[in-house]
């Protein structure tokens, strides 16, 4: 899968970062982990600083990038 959909933002398609081939991307200081309500117990979360959400976070992907001043558009 290369993208996901959230009914909170029906006009947006959210690509996975791994689907974007760009040398311009920098590693974020904090990871955002979503959909923990459907994560199997055996799956470990990545190490380091992170925001975790049972469903989706409060921002669209575009909103997150704008809030963190990394929007390229």
N, C-alpha and C. Protein backbone atom coordinates (compact mmCIF):
# COMPACT_ATOMS: atom_id res chain seq x y z
N UNK A 1 0.84 -1.17 0.00
CA UNK A 1 0.00 0.00 0.00
C UNK A 1 0.89 1.24 0.00
N UNK A 2 0.53 2.22 -0.79
CA UNK A 2 1.34 3.44 -0.91
C UNK A 2 0.66 4.66 -0.31
N UNK A 3 -0.58 4.52 0.14
CA UNK A 3 -1.30 5.67 0.68
C UNK A 3 -2.34 5.20 1.68
N UNK A 4 -2.90 6.15 2.45
CA UNK A 4 -4.00 5.83 3.34
C UNK A 4 -5.06 6.92 3.23
N UNK A 5 -6.23 6.63 3.75
CA UNK A 5 -7.37 7.53 3.65
C UNK A 5 -7.95 7.73 5.04
N UNK A 6 -8.36 8.96 5.34
CA UNK A 6 -9.03 9.26 6.60
C UNK A 6 -10.27 10.08 6.29
N UNK A 7 -11.42 9.63 6.76
CA UNK A 7 -12.67 10.34 6.44
C UNK A 7 -12.72 11.74 7.04
N UNK A 8 -11.82 12.06 7.98
CA UNK A 8 -11.75 13.42 8.52
C UNK A 8 -11.33 14.42 7.45
N UNK A 9 -10.57 13.96 6.47
CA UNK A 9 -10.09 14.80 5.37
C UNK A 9 -10.41 14.09 4.06
N UNK A 10 -11.69 14.07 3.65
CA UNK A 10 -12.09 13.25 2.49
C UNK A 10 -11.50 13.70 1.16
N UNK A 11 -11.02 14.93 1.08
CA UNK A 11 -10.45 15.42 -0.18
C UNK A 11 -8.96 15.13 -0.30
N UNK A 12 -8.37 14.53 0.72
CA UNK A 12 -6.92 14.31 0.72
C UNK A 12 -6.58 12.83 0.58
N UNK A 13 -5.50 12.55 -0.09
CA UNK A 13 -4.89 11.22 -0.11
C UNK A 13 -3.55 11.37 0.59
N UNK A 14 -3.26 10.49 1.53
CA UNK A 14 -2.05 10.59 2.33
C UNK A 14 -1.03 9.54 1.90
N UNK A 15 0.02 9.92 1.19
CA UNK A 15 1.02 8.94 0.77
C UNK A 15 1.91 8.54 1.95
N UNK A 16 2.35 7.30 1.96
CA UNK A 16 3.35 6.88 2.94
C UNK A 16 4.68 7.53 2.57
N UNK A 17 5.45 7.91 3.57
CA UNK A 17 6.74 8.55 3.32
C UNK A 17 7.63 7.67 2.45
N UNK A 18 7.53 6.36 2.63
CA UNK A 18 8.37 5.45 1.85
C UNK A 18 8.01 5.46 0.37
N UNK A 19 6.84 6.02 0.03
CA UNK A 19 6.42 6.09 -1.38
C UNK A 19 6.92 7.36 -2.06
N UNK A 20 7.54 8.25 -1.29
CA UNK A 20 8.03 9.51 -1.84
C UNK A 20 9.52 9.39 -2.07
N UNK A 21 9.93 9.55 -3.30
CA UNK A 21 11.34 9.43 -3.66
C UNK A 21 11.91 10.84 -3.80
N UNK A 22 12.44 11.36 -2.69
CA UNK A 22 12.96 12.72 -2.70
C UNK A 22 14.17 12.82 -1.77
N UNK A 23 15.28 13.33 -2.26
CA UNK A 23 16.45 13.50 -1.40
C UNK A 23 16.29 14.68 -0.45
N UNK A 24 15.23 15.47 -0.60
CA UNK A 24 15.03 16.66 0.22
C UNK A 24 14.50 16.36 1.62
N UNK A 25 13.97 15.17 1.84
CA UNK A 25 13.34 14.87 3.12
C UNK A 25 14.38 14.70 4.23
N UNK A 26 14.09 15.32 5.38
CA UNK A 26 14.93 15.16 6.56
C UNK A 26 14.20 14.28 7.57
N UNK A 27 14.94 13.65 8.44
CA UNK A 27 14.32 12.84 9.48
C UNK A 27 13.63 13.75 10.49
N UNK A 28 12.41 13.42 10.90
CA UNK A 28 11.72 14.24 11.89
C UNK A 28 12.32 14.04 13.28
N UNK A 29 12.19 15.06 14.13
CA UNK A 29 12.68 14.94 15.50
C UNK A 29 11.80 13.98 16.30
N UNK A 30 10.52 13.95 15.97
CA UNK A 30 9.55 13.11 16.67
C UNK A 30 8.79 12.26 15.66
N UNK A 31 8.65 10.98 15.92
CA UNK A 31 7.86 10.10 15.06
C UNK A 31 6.39 10.20 15.45
N UNK A 32 5.50 10.02 14.50
CA UNK A 32 4.07 9.97 14.76
C UNK A 32 3.59 8.56 14.46
N UNK A 33 3.07 7.88 15.47
CA UNK A 33 2.59 6.51 15.32
C UNK A 33 1.07 6.53 15.44
N UNK A 34 0.38 6.06 14.40
CA UNK A 34 -1.08 6.10 14.37
C UNK A 34 -1.66 4.69 14.31
N UNK A 35 -2.96 4.61 14.56
CA UNK A 35 -3.74 3.37 14.45
C UNK A 35 -3.26 2.29 15.42
N UNK A 36 -2.84 2.70 16.63
CA UNK A 36 -2.42 1.72 17.61
C UNK A 36 -3.56 0.81 18.05
N UNK A 37 -4.80 1.24 17.82
CA UNK A 37 -5.94 0.40 18.18
C UNK A 37 -6.04 -0.85 17.30
N UNK A 38 -5.31 -0.89 16.20
CA UNK A 38 -5.32 -2.08 15.35
C UNK A 38 -3.94 -2.73 15.23
N UNK A 39 -3.00 -2.30 16.09
CA UNK A 39 -1.65 -2.86 16.08
C UNK A 39 -1.63 -4.18 16.86
N UNK A 40 -1.09 -5.23 16.28
CA UNK A 40 -0.94 -6.47 17.03
C UNK A 40 0.00 -6.28 18.22
N UNK A 41 -0.22 -7.01 19.30
CA UNK A 41 0.59 -6.86 20.51
C UNK A 41 2.07 -7.17 20.27
N UNK A 42 2.36 -8.05 19.33
CA UNK A 42 3.76 -8.42 19.10
C UNK A 42 4.55 -7.36 18.33
N UNK A 43 3.88 -6.38 17.77
CA UNK A 43 4.56 -5.33 17.01
C UNK A 43 5.07 -4.27 17.98
N UNK A 44 6.39 -4.00 17.93
CA UNK A 44 6.99 -3.00 18.81
C UNK A 44 6.99 -1.64 18.12
N UNK A 45 6.83 -0.62 18.92
CA UNK A 45 6.93 0.74 18.39
C UNK A 45 8.40 1.10 18.23
N UNK A 46 8.70 2.01 17.31
CA UNK A 46 10.10 2.41 17.13
C UNK A 46 10.63 3.13 18.36
N UNK A 47 11.93 3.06 18.54
CA UNK A 47 12.59 3.75 19.65
C UNK A 47 12.59 5.24 19.39
N UNK A 48 12.78 6.03 20.43
CA UNK A 48 12.92 7.47 20.29
C UNK A 48 11.64 8.22 20.62
N UNK A 49 11.73 9.54 20.50
CA UNK A 49 10.59 10.41 20.78
C UNK A 49 9.48 10.15 19.78
N UNK A 50 8.25 10.07 20.29
CA UNK A 50 7.13 9.80 19.39
C UNK A 50 5.82 10.33 19.98
N UNK A 51 4.90 10.63 19.08
CA UNK A 51 3.51 10.92 19.42
C UNK A 51 2.73 9.67 19.03
N UNK A 52 1.88 9.18 19.93
CA UNK A 52 1.13 7.96 19.63
C UNK A 52 -0.37 8.24 19.70
N UNK A 53 -1.11 7.64 18.77
CA UNK A 53 -2.55 7.82 18.69
C UNK A 53 -3.22 6.47 18.43
N UNK A 54 -4.32 6.22 19.13
CA UNK A 54 -5.07 4.98 18.89
C UNK A 54 -5.66 4.95 17.49
N UNK A 55 -6.11 6.10 17.01
CA UNK A 55 -6.65 6.20 15.65
C UNK A 55 -5.71 7.11 14.86
N UNK A 56 -6.25 8.14 14.24
CA UNK A 56 -5.43 9.11 13.52
C UNK A 56 -5.13 10.28 14.44
N UNK A 57 -4.05 11.00 14.17
CA UNK A 57 -3.71 12.18 14.94
C UNK A 57 -4.65 13.34 14.61
N UNK A 58 -4.48 14.47 15.31
CA UNK A 58 -5.39 15.60 15.11
C UNK A 58 -5.16 16.37 13.82
N UNK A 59 -4.01 16.20 13.19
CA UNK A 59 -3.67 16.96 11.98
C UNK A 59 -3.73 16.08 10.74
N UNK A 60 -4.08 16.69 9.62
CA UNK A 60 -3.89 16.00 8.34
C UNK A 60 -2.38 15.97 8.09
N UNK A 61 -1.94 15.18 7.15
CA UNK A 61 -0.50 15.15 6.86
C UNK A 61 -0.05 16.53 6.37
N UNK A 62 -0.86 17.17 5.54
CA UNK A 62 -0.52 18.52 5.09
C UNK A 62 -0.45 19.48 6.28
N UNK A 63 -1.41 19.39 7.18
CA UNK A 63 -1.42 20.25 8.37
C UNK A 63 -0.21 20.03 9.25
N UNK A 64 0.19 18.76 9.42
CA UNK A 64 1.37 18.44 10.23
C UNK A 64 2.61 19.09 9.63
N UNK A 65 2.78 18.95 8.31
CA UNK A 65 3.95 19.52 7.64
C UNK A 65 3.97 21.04 7.73
N UNK A 66 2.81 21.67 7.61
CA UNK A 66 2.75 23.13 7.73
C UNK A 66 3.06 23.55 9.17
N UNK A 67 2.53 22.84 10.15
CA UNK A 67 2.77 23.17 11.56
C UNK A 67 4.24 23.05 11.92
N UNK A 68 4.94 22.10 11.31
CA UNK A 68 6.36 21.89 11.59
C UNK A 68 7.28 22.59 10.59
N UNK A 69 6.70 23.44 9.75
CA UNK A 69 7.46 24.27 8.79
C UNK A 69 8.30 23.43 7.82
N UNK A 70 7.74 22.31 7.39
CA UNK A 70 8.44 21.47 6.41
C UNK A 70 7.55 21.17 5.20
N UNK A 71 6.53 21.98 5.00
CA UNK A 71 5.61 21.78 3.87
C UNK A 71 6.30 22.17 2.58
N UNK A 72 6.24 21.28 1.59
CA UNK A 72 6.81 21.55 0.27
C UNK A 72 5.65 21.51 -0.71
N UNK A 73 5.17 22.64 -1.11
CA UNK A 73 4.03 22.59 -2.00
C UNK A 73 3.81 23.76 -2.81
